[in-house]
Amino acid sequence: VQLQAFGGGLVQAGGSLRLSCAGSGRLFNSYAMGWFRQAPGKEREFVAAIGWSGVTIHYADSVKGRFTISRDNAKNTVYLQMNSLKPEDTAVYYCAADSITGRRYPPTLERDFASWGQGTEVTVSS
């Protein structure tokens, strides 16, 4: 699976952005998908993940209630709607596809994801 993330940009605190991750490959809709982020000087961290069917979703505590992950398998696309953005959300955001197909409960560990997009930068100003 090849992935391309886009939709990042500069936004003021309290604002919103929607990231998209477009995937190629006929099995895209069979993979759980995740979003991770890496802030300057920090390690990459889990943000959200969604199962292949879109039913099961996990969020990092830091984004619960503010971010929403969703997917449109007909369009081979996963989204991350980010609301009430804070300066600490500033990071490069990466989408990733699970290492195996058909996982109903999406993983949350980086090592369980095999394909990664190139990242899209989000900057939240105070």
C-alpha atoms as a PDB file:
ATOM      1  CA  VAL A   1       0.000   0.000   0.000  1.00  0.00           C
ATOM      2  CA  GLN A   2       1.313   3.404  -0.962  1.00  0.00           C
ATOM      3  CA  LEU A   3       0.112   6.358   1.048  1.00  0.00           C
ATOM      4  CA  GLN A   4       0.108  10.097   0.562  1.00  0.00           C
ATOM      5  CA  ALA A   5      -0.893  12.472   3.322  1.00  0.00           C
ATOM      6  CA  PHE A   6      -1.936  16.046   2.741  1.00  0.00           C
ATOM      7  CA  GLY A   7      -3.985  18.842   4.270  1.00  0.00           C
ATOM      8  CA  GLY A   8      -1.524  20.272   6.775  1.00  0.00           C
ATOM      9  CA  GLY A   9      -0.885  23.956   7.204  1.00  0.00           C
ATOM     10  CA  LEU A  10      -0.695  26.883   9.580  1.00  0.00           C
ATOM     11  CA  VAL A  11      -3.685  27.521  11.838  1.00  0.00           C
ATOM     12  CA  GLN A  12      -4.336  29.582  14.944  1.00  0.00           C
ATOM     13  CA  ALA A  13      -5.018  27.942  18.276  1.00  0.00           C
ATOM     14  CA  GLY A  14      -8.654  26.914  18.499  1.00  0.00           C
ATOM     15  CA  GLY A  15      -8.890  26.400  14.768  1.00  0.00           C
ATOM     16  CA  SER A  16      -9.480  23.267  12.696  1.00  0.00           C
ATOM     17  CA  LEU A  17      -7.794  21.304   9.955  1.00  0.00           C
ATOM     18  CA  ARG A  18      -8.675  18.114   8.129  1.00  0.00           C
ATOM     19  CA  LEU A  19      -5.895  15.822   7.061  1.00  0.00           C
ATOM     20  CA  SER A  20      -6.391  13.273   4.315  1.00  0.00           C
ATOM     21  CA  CYS A  21      -4.434  10.151   3.497  1.00  0.00           C
ATOM     22  CA  ALA A  22      -4.939   8.703   0.047  1.00  0.00           C
ATOM     23  CA  GLY A  23      -3.964   5.097  -0.486  1.00  0.00           C
ATOM     24  CA  SER A  24      -3.293   3.057  -3.562  1.00  0.00           C
ATOM     25  CA  GLY A  25      -3.732  -0.659  -3.975  1.00  0.00           C
ATOM     26  CA  ARG A  26      -6.784  -2.854  -4.240  1.00  0.00           C
ATOM     27  CA  LEU A  27      -6.444  -4.090  -0.646  1.00  0.00           C
ATOM     28  CA  PHE A  28      -6.444  -0.641   0.939  1.00  0.00           C
ATOM     29  CA  ASN A  29      -9.864  -1.165   2.484  1.00  0.00           C
ATOM     30  CA  SER A  30      -8.636  -4.359   4.145  1.00  0.00           C
ATOM     31  CA  TYR A  31      -6.068  -2.582   6.324  1.00  0.00           C
ATOM     32  CA  ALA A  32      -6.488  -0.867   9.630  1.00  0.00           C
ATOM     33  CA  MET A  33      -5.082   2.648   9.373  1.00  0.00           C
ATOM     34  CA  GLY A  34      -3.432   4.989  11.801  1.00  0.00           C
ATOM     35  CA  TRP A  35      -2.222   8.539  12.259  1.00  0.00           C
ATOM     36  CA  PHE A  36       0.972   9.362  14.117  1.00  0.00           C
ATOM     37  CA  ARG A  37       2.768  12.647  14.689  1.00  0.00           C
ATOM     38  CA  GLN A  38       6.257  13.821  15.451  1.00  0.00           C
ATOM     39  CA  ALA A  39       6.869  17.158  17.071  1.00  0.00           C
ATOM     40  CA  PRO A  40      10.258  18.889  16.768  1.00  0.00           C
ATOM     41  CA  GLY A  41      12.783  17.227  19.027  1.00  0.00           C
ATOM     42  CA  LYS A  42      10.384  14.490  20.094  1.00  0.00           C
ATOM     43  CA  GLU A  43       9.715  10.894  19.163  1.00  0.00           C
ATOM     44  CA  ARG A  44       6.882   9.951  16.876  1.00  0.00           C
ATOM     45  CA  GLU A  45       3.690   9.233  18.820  1.00  0.00           C
ATOM     46  CA  PHE A  46       0.358   7.576  18.189  1.00  0.00           C
ATOM     47  CA  VAL A  47      -2.620   9.839  17.484  1.00  0.00           C
ATOM     48  CA  ALA A  48      -5.520   7.705  16.246  1.00  0.00           C
ATOM     49  CA  ALA A  49      -6.309   4.443  14.486  1.00  0.00           C
ATOM     50  CA  ILE A  50      -9.306   2.923  12.753  1.00  0.00           C
ATOM     51  CA  GLY A  51     -10.120  -0.671  11.886  1.00  0.00           C
ATOM     52  CA  TRP A  52     -10.597  -1.824   8.312  1.00  0.00           C
ATOM     53  CA  SER A  53     -14.379  -1.548   8.568  1.00  0.00           C
ATOM     54  CA  GLY A  54     -14.342   1.787  10.346  1.00  0.00           C
ATOM     55  CA  VAL A  55     -16.184   0.436  13.367  1.00  0.00           C
ATOM     56  CA  THR A  56     -13.341   0.246  15.908  1.00  0.00           C
ATOM     57  CA  ILE A  57     -11.403   3.394  16.682  1.00  0.00           C
ATOM     58  CA  HIS A  58      -8.681   4.304  19.177  1.00  0.00           C
ATOM     59  CA  TYR A  59      -7.434   7.750  20.166  1.00  0.00           C
ATOM     60  CA  ALA A  60      -4.518   8.990  22.165  1.00  0.00           C
ATOM     61  CA  ASP A  61      -5.700  10.626  25.368  1.00  0.00           C
ATOM     62  CA  SER A  62      -4.199  13.927  24.269  1.00  0.00           C
ATOM     63  CA  VAL A  63      -6.577  14.214  21.288  1.00  0.00           C
ATOM     64  CA  LYS A  64      -9.762  12.559  22.570  1.00  0.00           C
ATOM     65  CA  GLY A  65     -12.776  14.779  22.090  1.00  0.00           C
ATOM     66  CA  ARG A  66     -10.918  17.041  19.650  1.00  0.00           C
ATOM     67  CA  PHE A  67      -9.807  14.778  16.792  1.00  0.00           C
ATOM     68  CA  THR A  68     -11.918  12.404  14.720  1.00  0.00           C
ATOM     69  CA  ILE A  69     -10.559   9.674  12.474  1.00  0.00           C
ATOM     70  CA  SER A  70     -12.710   8.286   9.691  1.00  0.00           C
ATOM     71  CA  ARG A  71     -12.322   6.449   6.418  1.00  0.00           C
ATOM     72  CA  ASP A  72     -14.028   6.216   3.055  1.00  0.00           C
ATOM     73  CA  ASN A  73     -13.054   2.862   1.589  1.00  0.00           C
ATOM     74  CA  ALA A  74     -14.741   3.685  -1.711  1.00  0.00           C
ATOM     75  CA  LYS A  75     -12.241   6.530  -2.091  1.00  0.00           C
ATOM     76  CA  ASN A  76      -9.272   4.710  -0.509  1.00  0.00           C
ATOM     77  CA  THR A  77      -8.931   7.610   1.898  1.00  0.00           C
ATOM     78  CA  VAL A  78      -8.552   8.073   5.630  1.00  0.00           C
ATOM     79  CA  TYR A  79      -9.234  11.395   7.319  1.00  0.00           C
ATOM     80  CA  LEU A  80      -8.210  13.086  10.528  1.00  0.00           C
ATOM     81  CA  GLN A  81     -10.473  15.952  11.490  1.00  0.00           C
ATOM     82  CA  MET A  82      -8.676  18.119  14.036  1.00  0.00           C
ATOM     83  CA  ASN A  83     -10.681  20.660  16.022  1.00  0.00           C
ATOM     84  CA  SER A  84      -9.788  22.937  18.923  1.00  0.00           C
ATOM     85  CA  LEU A  85      -6.168  22.791  17.914  1.00  0.00           C
ATOM     86  CA  LYS A  86      -3.501  23.694  20.443  1.00  0.00           C
ATOM     87  CA  PRO A  87       0.102  24.792  19.954  1.00  0.00           C
ATOM     88  CA  GLU A  88       1.198  21.424  21.327  1.00  0.00           C
ATOM     89  CA  ASP A  89      -0.470  19.752  18.342  1.00  0.00           C
ATOM     90  CA  THR A  90       2.242  21.235  16.144  1.00  0.00           C
ATOM     91  CA  ALA A  91       3.978  18.319  14.432  1.00  0.00           C
ATOM     92  CA  VAL A  92       4.480  16.433  11.225  1.00  0.00           C
ATOM     93  CA  TYR A  93       1.552  14.063  10.866  1.00  0.00           C
ATOM     94  CA  TYR A  94       1.977  10.666   9.243  1.00  0.00           C
ATOM     95  CA  CYS A  95      -0.600   8.171   8.107  1.00  0.00           C
ATOM     96  CA  ALA A  96       0.219   4.490   8.178  1.00  0.00           C
ATOM     97  CA  ALA A  97      -1.274   1.181   7.110  1.00  0.00           C
ATOM     98  CA  ASP A  98      -1.349  -1.940   9.244  1.00  0.00           C
ATOM     99  CA  SER A  99       1.156  -4.667   8.531  1.00  0.00           C
ATOM    100  CA  ILE A 100      -1.595  -7.271   8.025  1.00  0.00           C
ATOM    101  CA  THR A 101      -5.049  -7.172   6.505  1.00  0.00           C
ATOM    102  CA  GLY A 102      -8.374  -7.728   8.190  1.00  0.00           C
ATOM    103  CA  ARG A 103      -7.471  -6.604  11.692  1.00  0.00           C
ATOM    104  CA  ARG A 104     -10.761  -5.565  13.244  1.00  0.00           C
ATOM    105  CA  TYR A 105      -9.161  -3.897  16.243  1.00  0.00           C
ATOM    106  CA  PRO A 106      -6.560  -1.466  14.958  1.00  0.00           C
ATOM    107  CA  PRO A 107      -3.075  -1.473  16.449  1.00  0.00           C
ATOM    108  CA  THR A 108      -1.660   1.533  18.208  1.00  0.00           C
ATOM    109  CA  LEU A 109       2.036   0.686  18.217  1.00  0.00           C
ATOM    110  CA  GLU A 110       4.305   2.041  15.537  1.00  0.00           C
ATOM    111  CA  ARG A 111       5.915  -1.356  14.963  1.00  0.00           C
ATOM    112  CA  ASP A 112       2.576  -2.834  13.855  1.00  0.00           C
ATOM    113  CA  PHE A 113       2.313  -0.486  10.877  1.00  0.00           C
ATOM    114  CA  ALA A 114       4.198  -1.380   7.721  1.00  0.00           C
ATOM    115  CA  SER A 115       3.452   1.334   5.160  1.00  0.00           C
ATOM    116  CA  TRP A 116       3.906   5.043   5.856  1.00  0.00           C
ATOM    117  CA  GLY A 117       3.011   8.217   4.041  1.00  0.00           C
ATOM    118  CA  GLN A 118       5.467  11.060   3.633  1.00  0.00           C
ATOM    119  CA  GLY A 119       3.996  13.277   6.348  1.00  0.00           C
ATOM    120  CA  THR A 120       2.204  16.587   6.313  1.00  0.00           C
ATOM    121  CA  GLU A 121       3.182  19.463   8.579  1.00  0.00           C
ATOM    122  CA  VAL A 122       0.742  21.081  10.980  1.00  0.00           C
ATOM    123  CA  THR A 123       1.670  24.297  12.774  1.00  0.00           C
ATOM    124  CA  VAL A 124      -0.610  25.768  15.416  1.00  0.00           C
ATOM    125  CA  SER A 125       0.176  29.313  16.453  1.00  0.00           C
ATOM    126  CA  SER A 126      -0.756  30.690  19.860  1.00  0.00           C
END
